[in-house]
Amino acid sequence: GRRCTPYEVAPWGFYLIEFLMKSNVGFAYSRGTDC
């Protein structure tokens, strides 16, 4: 009954690359789910 959203903690530079490419690069410091 709770809404859960996955997240990644990624380097800012990889975030910028993903933003420009509109796809996931696949590198992150950590991954998880916020509920």
PDB file of all heavy atoms in Angstrom:
ATOM      1  N   GLY A   1       0.784  -1.225   0.000  1.00  0.00           N
ATOM      2  CA  GLY A   1       0.000   0.000   0.000  1.00  0.00           C
ATOM      3  C   GLY A   1       0.818   1.279   0.000  1.00  0.00           C
ATOM      4  O   GLY A   1       0.276   2.370   0.092  1.00  0.00           O
ATOM      5  N   ARG A   2       2.117   1.168  -0.101  1.00  0.00           N
ATOM      6  CA  ARG A   2       2.982   2.355  -0.145  1.00  0.00           C
ATOM      7  C   ARG A   2       3.574   2.487  -1.539  1.00  0.00           C
ATOM      8  O   ARG A   2       3.901   1.498  -2.185  1.00  0.00           O
ATOM      9  CB  ARG A   2       4.122   2.231   0.867  1.00  0.00           C
ATOM     10  CG  ARG A   2       3.653   2.183   2.299  1.00  0.00           C
ATOM     11  CD  ARG A   2       4.813   2.080   3.248  1.00  0.00           C
ATOM     12  NE  ARG A   2       5.561   0.843   2.940  1.00  0.00           N
ATOM     13  CZ  ARG A   2       6.718   0.532   3.474  1.00  0.00           C
ATOM     14  NH1 ARG A   2       7.299   1.343   4.329  1.00  0.00           N
ATOM     15  NH2 ARG A   2       7.321  -0.592   3.171  1.00  0.00           N
ATOM     16  N   ARG A   3       3.733   3.733  -1.968  1.00  0.00           N
ATOM     17  CA  ARG A   3       4.336   3.994  -3.273  1.00  0.00           C
ATOM     18  C   ARG A   3       5.856   3.969  -3.125  1.00  0.00           C
ATOM     19  O   ARG A   3       6.423   4.710  -2.333  1.00  0.00           O
ATOM     20  CB  ARG A   3       3.883   5.357  -3.776  1.00  0.00           C
ATOM     21  CG  ARG A   3       4.386   5.682  -5.134  1.00  0.00           C
ATOM     22  CD  ARG A   3       3.855   7.001  -5.598  1.00  0.00           C
ATOM     23  NE  ARG A   3       4.462   7.347  -6.871  1.00  0.00           N
ATOM     24  CZ  ARG A   3       4.222   8.453  -7.511  1.00  0.00           C
ATOM     25  NH1 ARG A   3       3.394   9.336  -7.013  1.00  0.00           N
ATOM     26  NH2 ARG A   3       4.812   8.686  -8.646  1.00  0.00           N
ATOM     27  N   CYS A   4       6.514   3.127  -3.892  1.00  0.00           N
ATOM     28  CA  CYS A   4       7.971   2.991  -3.825  1.00  0.00           C
ATOM     29  C   CYS A   4       8.585   3.423  -5.156  1.00  0.00           C
ATOM     30  O   CYS A   4       8.100   3.056  -6.222  1.00  0.00           O
ATOM     31  CB  CYS A   4       8.359   1.557  -3.523  1.00  0.00           C
ATOM     32  SG  CYS A   4       7.769   0.980  -1.922  1.00  0.00           S
ATOM     33  N   THR A   5       9.654   4.180  -5.061  1.00  0.00           N
ATOM     34  CA  THR A   5      10.349   4.689  -6.239  1.00  0.00           C
ATOM     35  C   THR A   5      11.820   4.307  -6.162  1.00  0.00           C
ATOM     36  O   THR A   5      12.484   4.603  -5.175  1.00  0.00           O
ATOM     37  CB  THR A   5      10.235   6.226  -6.307  1.00  0.00           C
ATOM     38  OG1 THR A   5       8.870   6.591  -6.246  1.00  0.00           O
ATOM     39  CG2 THR A   5      10.841   6.759  -7.582  1.00  0.00           C
ATOM     40  N   PRO A   6      12.341   3.647  -7.198  1.00  0.00           N
ATOM     41  CA  PRO A   6      13.773   3.334  -7.195  1.00  0.00           C
ATOM     42  C   PRO A   6      14.606   4.601  -7.411  1.00  0.00           C
ATOM     43  O   PRO A   6      14.148   5.564  -8.011  1.00  0.00           O
ATOM     44  CB  PRO A   6      13.928   2.366  -8.366  1.00  0.00           C
ATOM     45  CG  PRO A   6      12.778   2.663  -9.259  1.00  0.00           C
ATOM     46  CD  PRO A   6      11.667   3.147  -8.388  1.00  0.00           C
ATOM     47  N   TYR A   7      15.821   4.572  -6.905  1.00  0.00           N
ATOM     48  CA  TYR A   7      16.728   5.709  -7.076  1.00  0.00           C
ATOM     49  C   TYR A   7      18.152   5.211  -7.219  1.00  0.00           C
ATOM     50  O   TYR A   7      18.465   4.064  -6.915  1.00  0.00           O
ATOM     51  CB  TYR A   7      16.628   6.677  -5.900  1.00  0.00           C
ATOM     52  CG  TYR A   7      17.217   6.127  -4.622  1.00  0.00           C
ATOM     53  CD1 TYR A   7      18.560   6.321  -4.319  1.00  0.00           C
ATOM     54  CD2 TYR A   7      16.461   5.400  -3.721  1.00  0.00           C
ATOM     55  CE1 TYR A   7      19.122   5.801  -3.164  1.00  0.00           C
ATOM     56  CE2 TYR A   7      17.004   4.892  -2.571  1.00  0.00           C
ATOM     57  CZ  TYR A   7      18.333   5.090  -2.293  1.00  0.00           C
ATOM     58  OH  TYR A   7      18.888   4.573  -1.158  1.00  0.00           O
ATOM     59  N   GLU A   8      18.997   6.074  -7.737  1.00  0.00           N
ATOM     60  CA  GLU A   8      20.436   5.843  -7.811  1.00  0.00           C
ATOM     61  C   GLU A   8      21.146   7.071  -7.265  1.00  0.00           C
ATOM     62  O   GLU A   8      20.681   8.184  -7.441  1.00  0.00           O
ATOM     63  CB  GLU A   8      20.901   5.643  -9.256  1.00  0.00           C
ATOM     64  CG  GLU A   8      20.525   4.343  -9.879  1.00  0.00           C
ATOM     65  CD  GLU A   8      21.108   4.180 -11.267  1.00  0.00           C
ATOM     66  OE1 GLU A   8      21.654   5.150 -11.826  1.00  0.00           O
ATOM     67  OE2 GLU A   8      21.009   3.069 -11.799  1.00  0.00           O
ATOM     68  N   VAL A   9      22.256   6.854  -6.606  1.00  0.00           N
ATOM     69  CA  VAL A   9      23.154   7.944  -6.250  1.00  0.00           C
ATOM     70  C   VAL A   9      24.324   7.813  -7.221  1.00  0.00           C
ATOM     71  O   VAL A   9      25.129   6.901  -7.124  1.00  0.00           O
ATOM     72  CB  VAL A   9      23.621   7.855  -4.781  1.00  0.00           C
ATOM     73  CG1 VAL A   9      24.591   8.969  -4.473  1.00  0.00           C
ATOM     74  CG2 VAL A   9      22.425   7.901  -3.843  1.00  0.00           C
ATOM     75  N   ALA A  10      24.343   8.720  -8.170  1.00  0.00           N
ATOM     76  CA  ALA A  10      25.309   8.660  -9.263  1.00  0.00           C
ATOM     77  C   ALA A  10      26.185   9.902  -9.259  1.00  0.00           C
ATOM     78  O   ALA A  10      25.789  10.943  -8.742  1.00  0.00           O
ATOM     79  CB  ALA A  10      24.583   8.541 -10.598  1.00  0.00           C
ATOM     80  N   PRO A  11      27.369   9.813  -9.845  1.00  0.00           N
ATOM     81  CA  PRO A  11      28.200  11.007  -9.980  1.00  0.00           C
ATOM     82  C   PRO A  11      27.493  12.055 -10.848  1.00  0.00           C
ATOM     83  O   PRO A  11      26.791  11.712 -11.807  1.00  0.00           O
ATOM     84  CB  PRO A  11      29.459  10.505 -10.680  1.00  0.00           C
ATOM     85  CG  PRO A  11      29.473   9.044 -10.465  1.00  0.00           C
ATOM     86  CD  PRO A  11      28.048   8.617 -10.354  1.00  0.00           C
ATOM     87  N   TRP A  12      27.694  13.315 -10.517  1.00  0.00           N
ATOM     88  CA  TRP A  12      27.025  14.399 -11.225  1.00  0.00           C
ATOM     89  C   TRP A  12      27.356  14.387 -12.713  1.00  0.00           C
ATOM     90  O   TRP A  12      26.498  14.638 -13.550  1.00  0.00           O
ATOM     91  CB  TRP A  12      27.418  15.740 -10.607  1.00  0.00           C
ATOM     92  CG  TRP A  12      26.611  16.857 -11.150  1.00  0.00           C
ATOM     93  CD1 TRP A  12      25.392  17.271 -10.720  1.00  0.00           C
ATOM     94  CD2 TRP A  12      26.959  17.693 -12.263  1.00  0.00           C
ATOM     95  NE1 TRP A  12      24.967  18.308 -11.494  1.00  0.00           N
ATOM     96  CE2 TRP A  12      25.900  18.597 -12.446  1.00  0.00           C
ATOM     97  CE3 TRP A  12      28.045  17.765 -13.117  1.00  0.00           C
ATOM     98  CZ2 TRP A  12      25.913  19.561 -13.445  1.00  0.00           C
ATOM     99  CZ3 TRP A  12      28.057  18.721 -14.117  1.00  0.00           C
ATOM    100  CH2 TRP A  12      26.994  19.605 -14.263  1.00  0.00           C
ATOM    101  N   GLY A  13      28.566  14.059 -13.052  1.00  0.00           N
ATOM    102  CA  GLY A  13      28.961  14.003 -14.457  1.00  0.00           C
ATOM    103  C   GLY A  13      28.212  12.928 -15.227  1.00  0.00           C
ATOM    104  O   GLY A  13      27.792  13.138 -16.366  1.00  0.00           O
ATOM    105  N   PHE A  14      27.996  11.767 -14.613  1.00  0.00           N
ATOM    106  CA  PHE A  14      27.226  10.712 -15.261  1.00  0.00           C
ATOM    107  C   PHE A  14      25.756  11.111 -15.363  1.00  0.00           C
ATOM    108  O   PHE A  14      25.081  10.766 -16.320  1.00  0.00           O
ATOM    109  CB  PHE A  14      27.381   9.389 -14.511  1.00  0.00           C
ATOM    110  CG  PHE A  14      28.666   8.684 -14.830  1.00  0.00           C
ATOM    111  CD1 PHE A  14      29.806   8.949 -14.099  1.00  0.00           C
ATOM    112  CD2 PHE A  14      28.740   7.780 -15.864  1.00  0.00           C
ATOM    113  CE1 PHE A  14      31.000   8.318 -14.390  1.00  0.00           C
ATOM    114  CE2 PHE A  14      29.920   7.133 -16.167  1.00  0.00           C
ATOM    115  CZ  PHE A  14      31.060   7.409 -15.424  1.00  0.00           C
ATOM    116  N   TYR A  15      25.256  11.838 -14.357  1.00  0.00           N
ATOM    117  CA  TYR A  15      23.889  12.364 -14.434  1.00  0.00           C
ATOM    118  C   TYR A  15      23.743  13.266 -15.655  1.00  0.00           C
ATOM    119  O   TYR A  15      22.757  13.176 -16.388  1.00  0.00           O
ATOM    120  CB  TYR A  15      23.550  13.130 -13.154  1.00  0.00           C
ATOM    121  CG  TYR A  15      22.306  13.972 -13.271  1.00  0.00           C
ATOM    122  CD1 TYR A  15      21.042  13.389 -13.185  1.00  0.00           C
ATOM    123  CD2 TYR A  15      22.389  15.339 -13.486  1.00  0.00           C
ATOM    124  CE1 TYR A  15      19.899  14.157 -13.307  1.00  0.00           C
ATOM    125  CE2 TYR A  15      21.251  16.105 -13.608  1.00  0.00           C
ATOM    126  CZ  TYR A  15      20.010  15.519 -13.511  1.00  0.00           C
ATOM    127  OH  TYR A  15      18.884  16.281 -13.636  1.00  0.00           O
ATOM    128  N   LEU A  16      24.724  14.121 -15.876  1.00  0.00           N
ATOM    129  CA  LEU A  16      24.692  15.023 -17.026  1.00  0.00           C
ATOM    130  C   LEU A  16      24.728  14.238 -18.339  1.00  0.00           C
ATOM    131  O   LEU A  16      23.977  14.533 -19.278  1.00  0.00           O
ATOM    132  CB  LEU A  16      25.863  16.001 -16.959  1.00  0.00           C
ATOM    133  CG  LEU A  16      25.931  17.056 -18.051  1.00  0.00           C
ATOM    134  CD1 LEU A  16      24.701  17.955 -17.992  1.00  0.00           C
ATOM    135  CD2 LEU A  16      27.188  17.892 -17.875  1.00  0.00           C
ATOM    136  N   ILE A  17      25.548  13.216 -18.409  1.00  0.00           N
ATOM    137  CA  ILE A  17      25.609  12.373 -19.606  1.00  0.00           C
ATOM    138  C   ILE A  17      24.265  11.675 -19.837  1.00  0.00           C
ATOM    139  O   ILE A  17      23.752  11.632 -20.955  1.00  0.00           O
ATOM    140  CB  ILE A  17      26.753  11.350 -19.495  1.00  0.00           C
ATOM    141  CG1 ILE A  17      28.102  12.063 -19.540  1.00  0.00           C
ATOM    142  CG2 ILE A  17      26.662  10.296 -20.599  1.00  0.00           C
ATOM    143  CD1 ILE A  17      29.275  11.188 -19.169  1.00  0.00           C
ATOM    144  N   GLU A  18      23.669  11.117 -18.755  1.00  0.00           N
ATOM    145  CA  GLU A  18      22.370  10.464 -18.878  1.00  0.00           C
ATOM    146  C   GLU A  18      21.290  11.452 -19.301  1.00  0.00           C
ATOM    147  O   GLU A  18      20.398  11.109 -20.074  1.00  0.00           O
ATOM    148  CB  GLU A  18      21.985   9.805 -17.556  1.00  0.00           C
ATOM    149  CG  GLU A  18      22.827   8.601 -17.227  1.00  0.00           C
ATOM    150  CD  GLU A  18      22.571   8.064 -15.832  1.00  0.00           C
ATOM    151  OE1 GLU A  18      21.931   8.771 -15.021  1.00  0.00           O
ATOM    152  OE2 GLU A  18      23.012   6.937 -15.563  1.00  0.00           O
ATOM    153  N   PHE A  19      21.363  12.680 -18.796  1.00  0.00           N
ATOM    154  CA  PHE A  19      20.393  13.706 -19.162  1.00  0.00           C
ATOM    155  C   PHE A  19      20.480  14.023 -20.651  1.00  0.00           C
ATOM    156  O   PHE A  19      19.466  14.133 -21.332  1.00  0.00           O
ATOM    157  CB  PHE A  19      20.633  14.977 -18.333  1.00  0.00           C
ATOM    158  CG  PHE A  19      19.725  16.109 -18.683  1.00  0.00           C
ATOM    159  CD1 PHE A  19      18.420  16.117 -18.242  1.00  0.00           C
ATOM    160  CD2 PHE A  19      20.175  17.166 -19.457  1.00  0.00           C
ATOM    161  CE1 PHE A  19      17.572  17.160 -18.562  1.00  0.00           C
ATOM    162  CE2 PHE A  19      19.342  18.214 -19.786  1.00  0.00           C
ATOM    163  CZ  PHE A  19      18.029  18.214 -19.337  1.00  0.00           C
ATOM    164  N   LEU A  20      21.675  14.146 -21.163  1.00  0.00           N
ATOM    165  CA  LEU A  20      21.860  14.467 -22.575  1.00  0.00           C
ATOM    166  C   LEU A  20      21.497  13.298 -23.490  1.00  0.00           C
ATOM    167  O   LEU A  20      20.940  13.497 -24.570  1.00  0.00           O
ATOM    168  CB  LEU A  20      23.295  14.914 -22.832  1.00  0.00           C
ATOM    169  CG  LEU A  20      23.718  16.214 -22.146  1.00  0.00           C
ATOM    170  CD1 LEU A  20      25.208  16.458 -22.350  1.00  0.00           C
ATOM    171  CD2 LEU A  20      22.897  17.385 -22.650  1.00  0.00           C
ATOM    172  N   MET A  21      21.795  12.062 -23.051  1.00  0.00           N
ATOM    173  CA  MET A  21      21.517  10.883 -23.873  1.00  0.00           C
ATOM    174  C   MET A  21      20.110  10.335 -23.668  1.00  0.00           C
ATOM    175  O   MET A  21      19.664   9.506 -24.456  1.00  0.00           O
ATOM    176  CB  MET A  21      22.545   9.789 -23.562  1.00  0.00           C
ATOM    177  CG  MET A  21      23.953  10.138 -23.977  1.00  0.00           C
ATOM    178  SD  MET A  21      25.157   8.879 -23.533  1.00  0.00           S
ATOM    179  CE  MET A  21      24.480   7.431 -24.270  1.00  0.00           C
ATOM    180  N   LYS A  22      19.434  10.729 -22.597  1.00  0.00           N
ATOM    181  CA  LYS A  22      18.089  10.237 -22.254  1.00  0.00           C
ATOM    182  C   LYS A  22      18.061   8.721 -22.075  1.00  0.00           C
ATOM    183  O   LYS A  22      17.096   8.054 -22.429  1.00  0.00           O
ATOM    184  CB  LYS A  22      17.051  10.649 -23.291  1.00  0.00           C
ATOM    185  CG  LYS A  22      16.917  12.123 -23.501  1.00  0.00           C
ATOM    186  CD  LYS A  22      16.214  12.759 -22.350  1.00  0.00           C
ATOM    187  CE  LYS A  22      15.925  14.217 -22.685  1.00  0.00           C
ATOM    188  NZ  LYS A  22      16.064  15.093 -21.580  1.00  0.00           N
ATOM    189  N   SER A  23      19.139   8.160 -21.540  1.00  0.00           N
ATOM    190  CA  SER A  23      19.191   6.731 -21.249  1.00  0.00           C
ATOM    191  C   SER A  23      20.131   6.503 -20.071  1.00  0.00           C
ATOM    192  O   SER A  23      20.874   7.385 -19.665  1.00  0.00           O
ATOM    193  CB  SER A  23      19.670   5.942 -22.457  1.00  0.00           C
ATOM    194  OG  SER A  23      21.004   6.271 -22.753  1.00  0.00           O
ATOM    195  N   ASN A  24      20.080   5.302 -19.522  1.00  0.00           N
ATOM    196  CA  ASN A  24      20.888   4.965 -18.353  1.00  0.00           C
ATOM    197  C   ASN A  24      22.275   4.522 -18.779  1.00  0.00           C
ATOM    198  O   ASN A  24      22.425   3.643 -19.629  1.00  0.00           O
ATOM    199  CB  ASN A  24      20.194   3.864 -17.553  1.00  0.00           C
ATOM    200  CG  ASN A  24      20.770   3.712 -16.174  1.00  0.00           C
ATOM    201  OD1 ASN A  24      21.636   4.457 -15.759  1.00  0.00           O
ATOM    202  ND2 ASN A  24      20.271   2.734 -15.445  1.00  0.00           N
ATOM    203  N   VAL A  25      23.302   5.126 -18.166  1.00  0.00           N
ATOM    204  CA  VAL A  25      24.686   4.760 -18.442  1.00  0.00           C
ATOM    205  C   VAL A  25      25.059   3.492 -17.680  1.00  0.00           C
ATOM    206  O   VAL A  25      25.833   2.675 -18.140  1.00  0.00           O
ATOM    207  CB  VAL A  25      25.641   5.929 -18.093  1.00  0.00           C
ATOM    208  CG1 VAL A  25      27.087   5.510 -18.240  1.00  0.00           C
ATOM    209  CG2 VAL A  25      25.347   7.118 -18.974  1.00  0.00           C
ATOM    210  N   GLY A  26      24.492   3.312 -16.498  1.00  0.00           N
ATOM    211  CA  GLY A  26      24.719   2.092 -15.742  1.00  0.00           C
ATOM    212  C   GLY A  26      25.785   2.192 -14.670  1.00  0.00           C
ATOM    213  O   GLY A  26      26.196   1.182 -14.113  1.00  0.00           O
ATOM    214  N   PHE A  27      26.252   3.381 -14.352  1.00  0.00           N
ATOM    215  CA  PHE A  27      27.233   3.549 -13.289  1.00  0.00           C
ATOM    216  C   PHE A  27      26.604   4.347 -12.167  1.00  0.00           C
ATOM    217  O   PHE A  27      26.033   5.404 -12.406  1.00  0.00           O
ATOM    218  CB  PHE A  27      28.480   4.280 -13.798  1.00  0.00           C
ATOM    219  CG  PHE A  27      29.523   4.469 -12.733  1.00  0.00           C
ATOM    220  CD1 PHE A  27      30.397   3.452 -12.426  1.00  0.00           C
ATOM    221  CD2 PHE A  27      29.601   5.651 -12.030  1.00  0.00           C
ATOM    222  CE1 PHE A  27      31.355   3.611 -11.445  1.00  0.00           C
ATOM    223  CE2 PHE A  27      30.561   5.821 -11.039  1.00  0.00           C
ATOM    224  CZ  PHE A  27      31.434   4.797 -10.749  1.00  0.00           C
ATOM    225  N   ALA A  28      26.682   3.833 -10.938  1.00  0.00           N
ATOM    226  CA  ALA A  28      26.128   4.536  -9.784  1.00  0.00           C
ATOM    227  C   ALA A  28      26.910   4.145  -8.536  1.00  0.00           C
ATOM    228  O   ALA A  28      27.464   3.050  -8.454  1.00  0.00           O
ATOM    229  CB  ALA A  28      24.661   4.197  -9.598  1.00  0.00           C
ATOM    230  N   TYR A  29      26.958   5.069  -7.576  1.00  0.00           N
ATOM    231  CA  TYR A  29      27.598   4.761  -6.298  1.00  0.00           C
ATOM    232  C   TYR A  29      26.752   3.775  -5.516  1.00  0.00           C
ATOM    233  O   TYR A  29      27.270   2.864  -4.883  1.00  0.00           O
ATOM    234  CB  TYR A  29      27.783   6.030  -5.475  1.00  0.00           C
ATOM    235  CG  TYR A  29      28.797   7.005  -6.030  1.00  0.00           C
ATOM    236  CD1 TYR A  29      28.519   8.357  -6.081  1.00  0.00           C
ATOM    237  CD2 TYR A  29      30.023   6.583  -6.495  1.00  0.00           C
ATOM    238  CE1 TYR A  29      29.431   9.264  -6.573  1.00  0.00           C
ATOM    239  CE2 TYR A  29      30.943   7.472  -6.997  1.00  0.00           C
ATOM    240  CZ  TYR A  29      30.642   8.822  -7.028  1.00  0.00           C
ATOM    241  OH  TYR A  29      31.562   9.715  -7.517  1.00  0.00           O
ATOM    242  N   SER A  30      25.429   3.975  -5.525  1.00  0.00           N
ATOM    243  CA  SER A  30      24.524   3.052  -4.837  1.00  0.00           C
ATOM    244  C   SER A  30      23.149   3.127  -5.478  1.00  0.00           C
ATOM    245  O   SER A  30      22.826   4.084  -6.189  1.00  0.00           O
ATOM    246  CB  SER A  30      24.434   3.386  -3.349  1.00  0.00           C
ATOM    247  OG  SER A  30      23.813   4.627  -3.157  1.00  0.00           O
ATOM    248  N   ARG A  31      22.349   2.102  -5.195  1.00  0.00           N
ATOM    249  CA  ARG A  31      20.980   2.019  -5.699  1.00  0.00           C
ATOM    250  C   ARG A  31      20.085   1.581  -4.559  1.00  0.00           C
ATOM    251  O   ARG A  31      20.518   0.910  -3.632  1.00  0.00           O
ATOM    252  CB  ARG A  31      20.887   0.999  -6.827  1.00  0.00           C
ATOM    253  CG  ARG A  31      21.684   1.408  -8.017  1.00  0.00           C
ATOM    254  CD  ARG A  31      21.567   0.410  -9.136  1.00  0.00           C
ATOM    255  NE  ARG A  31      22.255   1.001 -10.284  1.00  0.00           N
ATOM    256  CZ  ARG A  31      23.067   0.344 -11.063  1.00  0.00           C
ATOM    257  NH1 ARG A  31      23.287  -0.908 -10.883  1.00  0.00           N
ATOM    258  NH2 ARG A  31      23.661   0.970 -12.065  1.00  0.00           N
ATOM    259  N   GLY A  32      18.817   1.954  -4.641  1.00  0.00           N
ATOM    260  CA  GLY A  32      17.886   1.565  -3.602  1.00  0.00           C
ATOM    261  C   GLY A  32      16.465   1.936  -3.980  1.00  0.00           C
ATOM    262  O   GLY A  32      16.182   2.317  -5.125  1.00  0.00           O
ATOM    263  N   THR A  33      15.571   1.833  -2.998  1.00  0.00           N
ATOM    264  CA  THR A  33      14.171   2.144  -3.190  1.00  0.00           C
ATOM    265  C   THR A  33      13.680   2.979  -2.028  1.00  0.00           C
ATOM    266  O   THR A  33      13.917   2.649  -0.875  1.00  0.00           O
ATOM    267  CB  THR A  33      13.338   0.852  -3.277  1.00  0.00           C
ATOM    268  OG1 THR A  33      13.870   0.029  -4.302  1.00  0.00           O
ATOM    269  CG2 THR A  33      11.890   1.137  -3.591  1.00  0.00           C
ATOM    270  N   ASP A  34      13.012   4.094  -2.344  1.00  0.00           N
ATOM    271  CA  ASP A  34      12.374   4.931  -1.332  1.00  0.00           C
ATOM    272  C   ASP A  34      10.892   4.581  -1.279  1.00  0.00           C
ATOM    273  O   ASP A  34      10.213   4.592  -2.290  1.00  0.00           O
ATOM    274  CB  ASP A  34      12.493   6.423  -1.689  1.00  0.00           C
ATOM    275  CG  ASP A  34      13.844   6.999  -1.351  1.00  0.00           C
ATOM    276  OD1 ASP A  34      14.543   6.406  -0.496  1.00  0.00           O
ATOM    277  OD2 ASP A  34      14.207   8.035  -1.913  1.00  0.00           O
ATOM    278  N   CYS A  35      10.416   4.274  -0.063  1.00  0.00           N
ATOM    279  CA  CYS A  35       8.992   3.977   0.116  1.00  0.00           C
ATOM    280  C   CYS A  35       8.369   4.981   1.073  1.00  0.00           C
ATOM    281  O   CYS A  35       8.967   5.445   1.972  1.00  0.00           O
ATOM    282  CB  CYS A  35       8.790   2.580   0.650  1.00  0.00           C
ATOM    283  SG  CYS A  35       9.235   1.300  -0.530  1.00  0.00           S
TER     284      CYS A  35
END
